[in-house]
Amino acid sequence: MKYFSEKNLHVADISAGNPSRSSTVPPVAVDSAITMLLANGPTYRVDSHGGQAALGFPFIFIAGARHNVTLEVQVGTAAGFRVEVHGRVTKMQKAVAKIGSDGSIHSISEEIRDLSVKVLAVGRLEISFCFVPFRTRLEYLYLFAFNDAENVSENCLLEVAPALFESWKAPLHLRSMEHVEANIEGEYVCAIQEVLIIENYIKIEFEIHKRGSELRAIGVRHGSMRIATSQWWNWLAGGRTSPTGGDDAYCWPAPQQPSAPIMAPALVDCFGPDFVHHGHAVTLLLNDLPDFQARPLMEIGRLGEVFLRAEFQDGSSYEIDVAAELAKGGPDDWNTVLSRSVASLLASAGDNPLFLEVGARGDASCAMRNWANASGLRYLGLDIVPSPNVDMVGDAHQLSRYLDEGSVDVVYSSEVLEHLVSPVAFIAESGRVLRPGGLFICRAPTTWPLHAEPWDFCRFSRHSWQGLLNAGTGFEIIGTYEFGRASVLPRRLGGASGIMMSCHPAPMLSAVIARRTDVAGSVANSPERILAEGHYDPA
């Protein structure tokens, strides 16, 4: 999972040239028992009981691509409208706009961009907006219409045209999206989207395709433990059977169709929207209930040694080593972000720019030294304790004791901020040692277990950075980011709230890049002038 929000990556830049995809989609009634649709030439008349109408426009949304949507409405008896993209496509379930029958805009939520309402004629509106989905899914754009308070018992009458959807693909390194990209090996295309291990239960959500041949069966085996039972879930399960005389090392579960389709976003990226429901899932139970904390780490790691074997109609097969696929990772999106920012910095920096890493112990920091030096930066590692990669032992809360004001070009820290008792003091000190135009770059956990207690103090969402880096503290945020995908799984919490917690957003890390504008006057400078972006939703 990756999410980018950068001021210099305007969504409008994505939509240069002709759209990669354009479709007109007729409406359907959300509840046909109360809403009647009647074709009237190129438009549809709507007659709905109860003073309101609810229409849906089904469309395959592509994660990270700019979508422009245009609706034409003859308002009829409706006094207002609510336009909403289905929440499962969005990042924050905030792709909503409310519009009056006179074309006035009453409210716009954070994920709707460039909303425009034109009055084409008396009582006829053209509504257009931009939206960038976070998930690839077949879902709905909704149009809700409401009569005014005096006519809530009357039928809601209006007329709508098919919705026009246009989409533009963004470069892959700029796409915010929940899914991982496909791994392509010759004719085979594969992606592991999710691996979930809870004690002896394992779920793997994946995509597999071979050009020119249909999938016939999926086998599963475990590298070190016996499988008690296994299931293969596939929305397009009809006609697929287990191979005769298959490899005895594998279990060959019969295909089962789940109650809802499994998406295949990576295949959509490769082959187009027709592949949206070509995803698969395998679930299995091991024949032992392991005690993770009582076993060596190496042995616990072997619980993820799952192998899948895809058999195709042409007789070929493809084995997926799930652990090996996960170990490959994907494109280093954070490194791409760093390289882009440093390239911009070097254009304005003097000779031998200084890159200060705060928290410089360990292999990752050694690799960062090599990267910084190769990028034309002079690396300096600071840590609270000595270590081979540490050049300066000191306290992150007192940087100006060790470094001259305005002497540093980049202050960088990764998974360190949560261990600082006062992140505000650290940022204030960073502002003192950074030169004007220098960069503050920080990555920290959002969803992560407590560790190194009692020296573990904070977690940081992508939205939290604006309270730390702003005009009052002497910074301008260039971009915020999220990486990794987790699930919060309560051990003892019943009901819908407990069950649904694992479905809610839980990015593993957030990051920020900010430019130093002016030295902060104090640790907390005029906090009353700092306004959070967006709108707060009361419970």
Protein backbone atom coordinates (compact mmCIF):
# COMPACT_ATOMS: atom_id res chain seq x y z
CA MET A 1 0.00 0.00 0.00
CA LYS A 2 1.25 3.50 -0.79
CA TYR A 3 -0.34 6.91 -0.61
CA PHE A 4 1.19 10.16 -1.87
CA SER A 5 0.06 13.71 -1.21
CA GLU A 6 2.52 16.18 -2.70
CA LYS A 7 1.99 19.84 -3.51
CA ASN A 8 4.14 19.57 -6.63
CA LEU A 9 2.25 16.52 -7.97
CA HIS A 10 -0.98 18.19 -9.05
CA VAL A 11 -3.73 15.79 -10.07
CA ALA A 12 -4.51 18.02 -13.04
CA ASP A 13 -1.08 17.17 -14.48
CA ILE A 14 -2.22 13.57 -14.85
CA SER A 15 -5.04 14.46 -17.24
CA ALA A 16 -2.94 15.83 -20.09
CA GLY A 17 -4.09 14.57 -23.47
CA ASN A 18 -6.97 12.25 -24.23
CA PRO A 19 -8.36 9.98 -21.50
CA SER A 20 -7.18 6.39 -21.48
CA ARG A 21 -10.77 5.28 -20.94
CA SER A 22 -14.17 6.89 -21.50
CA SER A 23 -17.61 5.38 -20.82
CA THR A 24 -21.22 6.53 -20.57
CA VAL A 25 -23.09 4.59 -17.89
CA PRO A 26 -26.90 4.54 -17.53
CA PRO A 27 -28.41 4.75 -14.05
CA VAL A 28 -29.95 1.92 -12.06
CA ALA A 29 -32.38 2.27 -9.17
CA VAL A 30 -30.80 1.54 -5.78
CA ASP A 31 -34.22 0.30 -4.59
CA SER A 32 -36.43 -0.65 -7.52
CA ALA A 33 -39.38 -1.18 -5.15
CA ILE A 34 -39.72 2.56 -4.60
CA THR A 35 -37.93 4.07 -7.60
CA MET A 36 -39.07 3.71 -11.22
CA LEU A 37 -36.78 4.48 -14.15
CA LEU A 38 -38.26 5.08 -17.60
CA ALA A 39 -36.10 5.59 -20.68
CA ASN A 40 -36.97 8.85 -22.42
CA GLY A 41 -34.78 9.04 -25.51
CA PRO A 42 -31.20 9.68 -24.34
CA THR A 43 -32.28 10.37 -20.75
CA TYR A 44 -34.17 8.60 -17.95
CA ARG A 45 -37.22 9.81 -16.08
CA VAL A 46 -37.17 9.08 -12.36
CA ASP A 47 -40.30 8.68 -10.24
CA SER A 48 -39.60 7.74 -6.62
CA HIS A 49 -41.82 7.42 -3.54
CA GLY A 50 -41.13 9.05 -0.20
CA GLY A 51 -39.80 12.40 -1.36
CA GLN A 52 -36.36 11.10 -2.35
CA ALA A 53 -34.65 9.05 -5.05
CA ALA A 54 -31.44 7.01 -5.05
CA LEU A 55 -29.66 6.13 -8.29
CA GLY A 56 -26.43 4.25 -8.92
CA PHE A 57 -24.02 4.30 -11.87
CA PRO A 58 -21.82 1.13 -11.86
CA PHE A 59 -18.24 1.62 -13.00
CA ILE A 60 -14.87 -0.09 -12.66
CA PHE A 61 -12.72 2.45 -10.81
CA ILE A 62 -8.94 2.20 -11.26
CA ALA A 63 -6.75 2.95 -8.23
CA GLY A 64 -4.45 5.94 -8.64
CA ALA A 65 -5.98 7.09 -11.93
CA ARG A 66 -7.70 10.44 -12.29
CA HIS A 67 -11.42 10.04 -12.94
CA ASN A 68 -13.57 12.87 -14.26
CA VAL A 69 -17.31 12.38 -13.83
CA THR A 70 -20.04 14.42 -15.53
CA LEU A 71 -23.76 14.22 -14.69
CA GLU A 72 -26.66 16.07 -16.31
CA VAL A 73 -29.83 16.43 -14.24
CA GLN A 74 -33.23 18.00 -14.86
CA VAL A 75 -34.07 18.84 -11.25
CA GLY A 76 -37.87 18.40 -11.40
CA THR A 77 -39.26 18.46 -7.86
CA ALA A 78 -35.86 17.89 -6.20
CA ALA A 79 -34.63 20.66 -3.95
CA GLY A 80 -31.12 19.23 -3.53
CA PHE A 81 -28.73 16.47 -4.49
CA ARG A 82 -25.99 14.40 -2.90
CA VAL A 83 -23.30 12.94 -5.18
CA GLU A 84 -21.18 10.20 -3.61
CA VAL A 85 -18.61 7.64 -4.71
CA HIS A 86 -18.96 4.30 -2.93
CA GLY A 87 -16.78 4.31 0.19
CA ARG A 88 -14.96 1.06 -0.65
CA VAL A 89 -13.28 2.80 -3.58
CA THR A 90 -12.10 5.78 -1.54
CA LYS A 91 -9.26 6.39 0.90
CA MET A 92 -11.25 8.14 3.65
CA GLN A 93 -14.91 7.55 2.61
CA LYS A 94 -15.11 11.25 1.81
CA ALA A 95 -15.96 11.51 -1.88
CA VAL A 96 -19.21 13.38 -1.30
CA ALA A 97 -20.73 16.68 -2.50
CA LYS A 98 -24.08 18.34 -1.72
CA ILE A 99 -25.66 20.60 -4.33
CA GLY A 100 -28.81 22.73 -4.40
CA SER A 101 -31.35 22.61 -7.24
CA ASP A 102 -30.27 26.16 -8.20
CA GLY A 103 -26.69 24.96 -8.79
CA SER A 104 -25.32 26.20 -5.47
CA ILE A 105 -22.63 24.05 -3.83
CA HIS A 106 -23.50 23.36 -0.20
CA SER A 107 -20.53 21.18 0.79
CA ILE A 108 -17.55 19.31 -0.68
CA SER A 109 -15.65 16.57 1.13
CA GLU A 110 -11.88 16.05 0.96
CA GLU A 111 -11.71 13.47 -1.83
CA ILE A 112 -13.81 15.42 -4.35
CA ARG A 113 -11.73 17.76 -6.48
CA ASP A 114 -12.52 20.43 -9.07
CA LEU A 115 -16.27 20.33 -8.48
CA SER A 116 -18.18 22.42 -11.02
CA VAL A 117 -21.93 22.97 -11.35
CA LYS A 118 -23.24 24.70 -14.48
CA VAL A 119 -26.83 25.81 -15.06
CA LEU A 120 -27.41 24.70 -18.67
CA ALA A 121 -31.01 25.90 -18.76
CA VAL A 122 -33.79 26.60 -16.34
CA GLY A 123 -33.87 23.63 -13.96
CA ARG A 124 -31.10 21.75 -15.79
CA LEU A 125 -27.69 21.24 -14.18
CA GLU A 126 -24.36 19.81 -15.32
CA ILE A 127 -22.36 18.47 -12.36
CA SER A 128 -18.72 17.53 -12.91
CA PHE A 129 -15.89 16.65 -10.56
CA CYS A 130 -12.59 14.83 -10.32
CA PHE A 131 -11.82 11.88 -8.06
CA VAL A 132 -8.77 9.63 -7.62
CA PRO A 133 -9.74 6.17 -6.30
CA PHE A 134 -7.55 4.37 -3.78
CA ARG A 135 -8.86 0.89 -4.68
CA THR A 136 -9.60 -0.83 -7.98
CA ARG A 137 -13.18 -2.07 -7.77
CA LEU A 138 -16.46 -2.38 -9.62
CA GLU A 139 -18.60 -0.04 -7.52
CA TYR A 140 -21.17 2.73 -7.78
CA LEU A 141 -21.33 6.45 -8.16
CA TYR A 142 -24.52 7.44 -6.32
CA LEU A 143 -26.90 10.30 -6.99
CA PHE A 144 -29.40 11.01 -4.23
CA ALA A 145 -32.20 13.52 -4.82
CA PHE A 146 -34.46 15.05 -2.14
CA ASN A 147 -37.65 17.05 -2.20
CA ASP A 148 -37.88 20.07 0.10
CA ALA A 149 -39.36 19.81 3.60
CA GLU A 150 -42.86 20.78 2.41
CA ASN A 151 -43.01 17.95 -0.13
CA VAL A 152 -41.38 15.02 1.66
CA SER A 153 -44.51 12.91 1.24
CA GLU A 154 -44.75 13.60 -2.51
CA ASN A 155 -43.02 11.58 -5.20
CA CYS A 156 -39.55 12.81 -6.15
CA LEU A 157 -39.52 13.48 -9.90
CA LEU A 158 -36.45 14.26 -11.98
CA GLU A 159 -34.67 13.35 -15.19
CA VAL A 160 -31.05 12.22 -15.60
CA ALA A 161 -28.70 11.44 -18.47
CA PRO A 162 -26.17 8.60 -18.42
CA ALA A 163 -23.06 9.55 -16.45
CA LEU A 164 -19.86 10.21 -18.40
CA PHE A 165 -16.75 8.66 -16.82
CA GLU A 166 -13.31 9.59 -18.15
CA SER A 167 -10.06 8.32 -16.66
CA TRP A 168 -6.37 9.05 -17.12
CA LYS A 169 -3.64 6.72 -15.90
CA ALA A 170 -0.91 8.21 -13.75
CA PRO A 171 2.74 7.10 -13.88
CA LEU A 172 3.08 4.09 -11.61
CA HIS A 173 5.50 5.81 -9.21
CA LEU A 174 2.92 8.57 -8.61
CA ARG A 175 -0.09 6.31 -8.04
CA SER A 176 -1.66 6.13 -4.60
CA MET A 177 -3.16 2.65 -4.31
CA GLU A 178 -3.83 -0.11 -1.86
CA HIS A 179 -2.68 -3.02 -4.03
CA VAL A 180 0.79 -4.21 -4.99
CA GLU A 181 1.95 -4.46 -8.57
CA ALA A 182 2.14 -7.66 -10.58
CA ASN A 183 5.26 -9.77 -10.95
CA ILE A 184 5.64 -10.78 -14.61
CA GLU A 185 7.72 -13.84 -15.52
CA GLY A 186 7.41 -14.69 -19.20
CA GLU A 187 3.80 -15.66 -19.90
CA TYR A 188 2.85 -15.72 -16.21
CA VAL A 189 1.54 -12.74 -14.25
CA CYS A 190 1.28 -13.05 -10.47
CA ALA A 191 0.61 -10.79 -7.48
CA ILE A 192 0.33 -11.61 -3.77
CA GLN A 193 -2.04 -9.00 -2.36
CA GLU A 194 -2.48 -10.26 1.20
CA VAL A 195 -1.00 -12.87 3.53
CA LEU A 196 -2.71 -13.14 6.90
CA ILE A 197 -1.45 -15.55 9.58
CA ILE A 198 -3.40 -15.82 12.83
CA GLU A 199 -2.08 -18.71 14.92
CA ASN A 200 -2.86 -21.78 12.75
CA TYR A 201 -5.10 -19.94 10.23
CA ILE A 202 -3.57 -18.67 6.98
CA LYS A 203 -5.29 -16.62 4.28
CA ILE A 204 -3.58 -15.71 0.99
CA GLU A 205 -5.23 -13.35 -1.48
CA PHE A 206 -3.55 -13.45 -4.86
CA GLU A 207 -3.81 -13.05 -8.62
CA ILE A 208 -2.50 -15.44 -11.25
CA HIS A 209 -2.86 -15.45 -15.04
CA LYS A 210 -1.19 -17.01 -18.03
CA ARG A 211 -1.54 -15.44 -21.42
CA GLY A 212 -3.39 -17.76 -23.79
CA SER A 213 -4.59 -20.35 -21.26
CA GLU A 214 -7.27 -20.69 -18.59
CA LEU A 215 -6.58 -21.60 -14.98
CA ARG A 216 -7.75 -25.12 -14.16
CA ALA A 217 -6.82 -25.72 -10.52
CA ILE A 218 -4.91 -24.37 -7.52
CA GLY A 219 -2.86 -26.61 -5.24
CA VAL A 220 -1.46 -25.63 -1.85
CA ARG A 221 1.20 -27.12 0.41
CA HIS A 222 3.06 -26.03 3.52
CA GLY A 223 6.83 -26.23 3.80
CA SER A 224 7.04 -27.63 7.34
CA MET A 225 3.54 -28.48 8.66
CA ARG A 226 0.60 -30.60 7.66
CA ILE A 227 -2.53 -28.87 6.38
CA ALA A 228 -5.70 -29.95 8.16
CA THR A 229 -8.06 -28.34 5.62
CA SER A 230 -7.86 -25.90 2.74
CA GLN A 231 -10.24 -23.89 0.57
CA TRP A 232 -9.88 -22.13 -2.77
CA TRP A 233 -12.12 -19.12 -3.33
CA ASN A 234 -12.72 -17.74 -6.81
CA TRP A 235 -15.61 -15.67 -8.13
CA LEU A 236 -15.25 -17.28 -11.57
CA ALA A 237 -15.12 -20.80 -10.21
CA GLY A 238 -17.44 -22.54 -12.69
CA GLY A 239 -15.91 -25.33 -14.78
CA ARG A 240 -12.60 -25.54 -12.96
CA THR A 241 -11.60 -28.89 -11.51
CA SER A 242 -8.70 -30.43 -9.63
CA PRO A 243 -6.11 -32.18 -11.81
CA THR A 244 -6.26 -35.95 -12.06
CA GLY A 245 -3.24 -37.62 -10.51
CA GLY A 246 -2.00 -34.29 -9.18
CA ASP A 247 1.18 -33.87 -7.17
CA ASP A 248 0.63 -35.71 -3.87
CA ALA A 249 2.58 -33.04 -1.98
CA TYR A 250 -0.24 -30.59 -2.68
CA CYS A 251 -3.79 -30.31 -1.45
CA TRP A 252 -6.16 -29.59 -4.34
CA PRO A 253 -9.27 -27.88 -2.93
CA ALA A 254 -12.33 -27.66 -5.14
CA PRO A 255 -13.15 -24.12 -6.26
CA GLN A 256 -15.76 -22.30 -4.19
CA GLN A 257 -17.51 -19.05 -5.00
CA PRO A 258 -17.54 -16.50 -2.17
CA SER A 259 -20.53 -14.28 -1.48
CA ALA A 260 -18.68 -11.29 -2.97
CA PRO A 261 -16.11 -11.12 -5.78
CA ILE A 262 -12.38 -11.02 -5.11
CA MET A 263 -10.76 -8.11 -6.92
CA ALA A 264 -7.71 -8.44 -9.16
CA PRO A 265 -6.30 -4.89 -9.31
CA ALA A 266 -2.84 -5.90 -10.55
CA LEU A 267 -4.35 -7.85 -13.47
CA VAL A 268 -6.54 -4.85 -14.27
CA ASP A 269 -3.36 -2.76 -14.49
CA CYS A 270 -1.91 -5.27 -16.94
CA PHE A 271 -4.91 -6.36 -19.00
CA GLY A 272 -7.76 -3.93 -18.41
CA PRO A 273 -11.06 -3.68 -16.50
CA ASP A 274 -12.43 -7.04 -17.75
CA PHE A 275 -10.11 -8.74 -15.22
CA VAL A 276 -11.51 -6.90 -12.19
CA HIS A 277 -13.08 -10.05 -10.64
CA HIS A 278 -10.26 -12.49 -11.46
CA GLY A 279 -8.82 -12.53 -7.95
CA HIS A 280 -8.33 -15.64 -5.81
CA ALA A 281 -7.99 -16.52 -2.15
CA VAL A 282 -6.74 -19.66 -0.43
CA THR A 283 -7.54 -20.27 3.23
CA LEU A 284 -6.07 -23.11 5.26
CA LEU A 285 -5.82 -24.48 8.77
CA LEU A 286 -2.63 -26.14 9.99
CA ASN A 287 -2.84 -29.30 12.08
CA ASP A 288 -1.19 -27.68 15.13
CA LEU A 289 -1.96 -24.61 17.24
CA PRO A 290 1.49 -22.99 17.61
CA ASP A 291 2.54 -20.90 20.59
CA PHE A 292 4.44 -18.12 18.82
CA GLN A 293 6.12 -16.73 21.91
CA ALA A 294 7.49 -20.12 22.98
CA ARG A 295 9.16 -20.90 19.66
CA PRO A 296 12.40 -19.57 18.13
CA LEU A 297 11.96 -16.77 15.60
CA MET A 298 13.33 -18.90 12.79
CA GLU A 299 10.75 -21.59 13.48
CA ILE A 300 7.94 -19.03 13.66
CA GLY A 301 9.07 -17.62 10.31
CA ARG A 302 8.56 -21.05 8.75
CA LEU A 303 4.83 -20.80 9.43
CA GLY A 304 4.70 -18.54 6.36
CA GLU A 305 6.29 -21.14 4.08
CA VAL A 306 3.27 -21.70 1.86
CA PHE A 307 3.51 -22.81 -1.76
CA LEU A 308 0.77 -22.47 -4.37
CA ARG A 309 0.69 -24.34 -7.66
CA ALA A 310 -1.43 -23.08 -10.54
CA GLU A 311 -2.41 -25.68 -13.16
CA PHE A 312 -3.55 -24.40 -16.56
CA GLN A 313 -5.71 -25.93 -19.28
CA ASP A 314 -2.75 -26.25 -21.65
CA GLY A 315 -1.01 -28.62 -19.18
CA SER A 316 1.49 -26.08 -17.88
CA SER A 317 1.92 -25.17 -14.22
CA TYR A 318 3.40 -22.34 -12.19
CA GLU A 319 4.57 -22.57 -8.57
CA ILE A 320 4.32 -19.57 -6.28
CA ASP A 321 6.64 -19.51 -3.28
CA VAL A 322 4.60 -17.09 -1.17
CA ALA A 323 7.37 -16.26 1.30
CA ALA A 324 9.85 -15.65 -1.53
CA GLU A 325 7.37 -13.39 -3.32
CA LEU A 326 6.91 -11.33 -0.16
CA ALA A 327 10.69 -11.15 0.36
CA LYS A 328 11.12 -9.64 -3.12
CA GLY A 329 9.06 -6.67 -2.05
CA GLY A 330 8.34 -4.26 -4.87
CA PRO A 331 9.59 -0.95 -6.16
CA ASP A 332 11.16 1.08 -3.34
CA ASP A 333 8.61 3.88 -3.36
CA TRP A 334 10.18 5.65 -0.39
CA ASN A 335 13.55 5.70 -2.10
CA THR A 336 11.87 7.15 -5.20
CA VAL A 337 10.36 9.91 -3.07
CA LEU A 338 13.73 10.64 -1.44
CA SER A 339 15.56 10.73 -4.76
CA ARG A 340 13.03 13.16 -6.22
CA SER A 341 13.28 15.47 -3.19
CA VAL A 342 17.07 15.38 -3.01
CA ALA A 343 17.36 16.11 -6.73
CA SER A 344 15.28 19.24 -6.16
CA LEU A 345 17.40 20.18 -3.13
CA LEU A 346 20.72 19.80 -4.95
CA ALA A 347 19.60 22.32 -7.54
CA SER A 348 19.66 25.05 -4.86
CA ALA A 349 22.27 23.71 -2.41
CA GLY A 350 25.85 24.86 -2.17
CA ASP A 351 28.93 22.68 -2.40
CA ASN A 352 29.11 19.50 -0.32
CA PRO A 353 25.56 19.62 1.14
CA LEU A 354 25.21 18.02 4.58
CA PHE A 355 22.77 15.14 5.19
CA LEU A 356 22.19 14.55 8.92
CA GLU A 357 20.58 11.25 9.93
CA VAL A 358 19.19 11.28 13.46
CA GLY A 359 19.19 7.71 14.76
CA ALA A 360 22.08 6.27 12.78
CA ARG A 361 22.60 2.76 14.17
CA GLY A 362 21.93 -0.45 12.26
CA ASP A 363 22.10 -1.85 8.74
CA ALA A 364 19.40 0.46 7.38
CA SER A 365 21.42 3.51 8.40
CA CYS A 366 24.58 2.04 6.85
CA ALA A 367 22.63 1.67 3.62
CA MET A 368 21.38 5.25 4.00
CA ARG A 369 24.99 6.47 4.29
CA ASN A 370 25.84 4.74 1.01
CA TRP A 371 22.72 6.16 -0.67
CA ALA A 372 23.38 9.72 0.55
CA ASN A 373 27.01 9.67 -0.53
CA ALA A 374 26.06 8.26 -3.95
CA SER A 375 23.46 11.05 -4.27
CA GLY A 376 26.04 13.79 -3.83
CA LEU A 377 25.41 14.43 -0.12
CA ARG A 378 27.86 14.43 2.80
CA TYR A 379 26.47 11.99 5.39
CA LEU A 380 26.65 12.62 9.13
CA GLY A 381 25.13 10.08 11.54
CA LEU A 382 23.97 11.12 15.02
CA ASP A 383 22.71 8.78 17.73
CA ILE A 384 22.29 8.71 21.49
CA VAL A 385 24.76 5.79 21.80
CA PRO A 386 27.98 4.92 19.93
CA SER A 387 27.88 2.52 16.97
CA PRO A 388 30.09 1.89 13.91
CA ASN A 389 27.84 4.03 11.66
CA VAL A 390 27.53 6.86 14.23
CA ASP A 391 29.72 9.92 13.65
CA MET A 392 28.38 12.02 16.52
CA VAL A 393 26.92 10.90 19.85
CA GLY A 394 24.25 13.31 21.06
CA ASP A 395 20.65 14.02 21.98
CA ALA A 396 18.17 14.66 19.14
CA HIS A 397 16.39 17.20 21.36
CA GLN A 398 19.55 19.40 21.44
CA LEU A 399 20.90 19.41 17.87
CA SER A 400 21.98 23.05 18.08
CA ARG A 401 24.48 22.12 20.81
CA TYR A 402 26.47 20.07 18.30
CA LEU A 403 25.80 21.81 14.97
CA ASP A 404 25.82 25.43 13.85
CA GLU A 405 22.55 27.09 13.00
CA GLY A 406 21.78 26.91 9.28
CA SER A 407 24.60 24.42 8.63
CA VAL A 408 22.54 21.38 7.58
CA ASP A 409 20.82 20.79 4.24
CA VAL A 410 18.76 17.70 5.18
CA VAL A 411 17.62 16.39 8.58
CA TYR A 412 16.49 12.79 8.15
CA SER A 413 15.11 10.20 10.57
CA SER A 414 13.38 6.88 10.00
CA GLU A 415 11.43 5.03 12.70
CA VAL A 416 13.06 7.18 15.40
CA LEU A 417 10.50 9.88 16.17
CA GLU A 418 8.31 7.53 18.22
CA HIS A 419 11.24 7.08 20.63
CA LEU A 420 11.71 10.82 21.27
CA VAL A 421 9.92 12.09 24.37
CA SER A 422 9.33 15.47 22.69
CA PRO A 423 8.94 15.38 18.89
CA VAL A 424 8.07 19.10 19.05
CA ALA A 425 11.47 19.92 20.59
CA PHE A 426 13.26 17.79 17.98
CA ILE A 427 11.49 19.59 15.14
CA ALA A 428 12.28 22.98 16.66
CA GLU A 429 15.96 22.00 16.91
CA SER A 430 15.89 20.71 13.33
CA GLY A 431 14.58 24.10 12.26
CA ARG A 432 17.53 25.78 13.97
CA VAL A 433 20.25 23.72 12.31
CA LEU A 434 18.63 23.58 8.85
CA ARG A 435 19.45 26.28 6.34
CA PRO A 436 16.51 28.17 4.77
CA GLY A 437 15.23 25.88 2.03
CA GLY A 438 16.67 22.80 3.72
CA LEU A 439 14.57 19.66 4.07
CA PHE A 440 13.16 17.88 7.09
CA ILE A 441 12.44 14.27 6.10
CA CYS A 442 10.90 11.89 8.60
CA ARG A 443 9.24 8.48 8.54
CA ALA A 444 7.52 7.06 11.62
CA PRO A 445 5.06 4.29 12.54
CA THR A 446 1.31 4.74 12.36
CA THR A 447 0.22 1.18 13.19
CA TRP A 448 2.93 -0.77 15.00
CA PRO A 449 3.16 -2.72 18.28
CA LEU A 450 4.84 -1.08 21.24
CA HIS A 451 8.59 -1.80 21.21
CA ALA A 452 11.73 -0.77 23.11
CA GLU A 453 9.54 0.11 26.10
CA PRO A 454 9.50 2.33 28.03
CA TRP A 455 11.11 4.43 25.27
CA ASP A 456 8.13 4.26 22.92
CA PHE A 457 5.96 7.35 23.15
CA CYS A 458 3.98 8.22 20.01
CA ARG A 459 2.40 7.15 16.73
CA PHE A 460 1.94 9.45 13.74
CA SER A 461 -0.80 9.43 11.10
CA ARG A 462 -0.30 11.17 7.78
CA HIS A 463 -2.63 13.89 9.02
CA SER A 464 -0.61 14.58 12.19
CA TRP A 465 2.31 16.25 10.45
CA GLN A 466 0.46 19.52 9.86
CA GLY A 467 0.37 20.11 13.61
CA LEU A 468 4.15 19.71 13.88
CA LEU A 469 5.39 21.31 10.65
CA ASN A 470 3.68 24.59 9.79
CA ALA A 471 4.26 28.33 9.51
CA GLY A 472 4.40 28.62 13.29
CA THR A 473 7.26 26.13 13.58
CA GLY A 474 9.05 27.46 10.49
CA PHE A 475 8.21 24.78 7.92
CA GLU A 476 6.18 24.23 4.78
CA ILE A 477 5.05 20.68 4.07
CA ILE A 478 5.95 19.49 0.58
CA GLY A 479 4.35 16.06 0.84
CA THR A 480 2.97 13.42 3.17
CA TYR A 481 2.99 9.68 2.53
CA GLU A 482 1.75 6.32 3.80
CA PHE A 483 3.37 2.93 3.31
CA GLY A 484 2.39 -0.61 4.30
CA ARG A 485 -0.94 -2.11 5.22
CA ALA A 486 -1.88 -3.65 8.56
CA SER A 487 -5.04 -4.82 10.31
CA VAL A 488 -6.05 -4.13 13.88
CA LEU A 489 -7.37 -7.41 15.25
CA PRO A 490 -8.83 -7.12 18.76
CA ARG A 491 -8.35 -10.18 20.95
CA ARG A 492 -11.51 -9.69 22.98
CA LEU A 493 -14.09 -7.35 21.49
CA GLY A 494 -17.40 -8.69 20.24
CA GLY A 495 -20.10 -7.24 18.03
CA ALA A 496 -19.85 -5.47 14.73
CA SER A 497 -17.39 -2.86 16.02
CA GLY A 498 -14.86 -5.50 16.98
CA ILE A 499 -15.29 -7.54 13.81
CA MET A 500 -15.00 -4.48 11.56
CA MET A 501 -11.82 -3.13 13.16
CA SER A 502 -9.67 -5.29 10.89
CA CYS A 503 -11.34 -3.70 7.84
CA HIS A 504 -10.55 -0.10 8.76
CA PRO A 505 -7.45 1.81 7.56
CA ALA A 506 -4.25 0.91 9.39
CA PRO A 507 -1.21 2.05 7.39
CA MET A 508 2.02 0.84 8.94
CA LEU A 509 4.14 3.96 8.36
CA SER A 510 3.62 7.61 7.54
CA ALA A 511 6.22 10.04 6.30
CA VAL A 512 6.67 13.73 5.62
CA ILE A 513 8.97 15.99 3.64
CA ALA A 514 8.96 19.63 4.70
CA ARG A 515 10.96 22.67 3.66
CA ARG A 516 12.43 24.97 6.31
CA THR A 517 11.14 28.50 5.76
CA ASP A 518 12.10 30.42 8.90
CA VAL A 519 13.39 29.56 12.36
CA ALA A 520 10.52 28.89 14.79
CA GLY A 521 10.28 31.50 17.54
CA SER A 522 9.32 28.96 20.19
CA VAL A 523 8.58 25.28 20.66
CA ALA A 524 4.85 25.96 20.34
CA ASN A 525 4.40 29.10 18.27
CA SER A 526 0.82 30.43 18.07
CA PRO A 527 -0.95 27.05 18.04
CA GLU A 528 -4.33 28.78 17.81
CA ARG A 529 -3.43 29.85 14.26
CA ILE A 530 -2.83 26.28 13.08
CA LEU A 531 -5.97 25.02 11.35
CA ALA A 532 -6.34 21.35 10.51
CA GLU A 533 -7.18 20.54 6.91
CA GLY A 534 -10.57 19.04 6.04
CA HIS A 535 -13.74 18.70 8.05
CA TYR A 536 -14.28 16.92 11.34
CA ASP A 537 -17.09 14.37 11.35
CA PRO A 538 -18.89 14.33 14.72
CA ALA A 539 -19.81 10.87 15.97
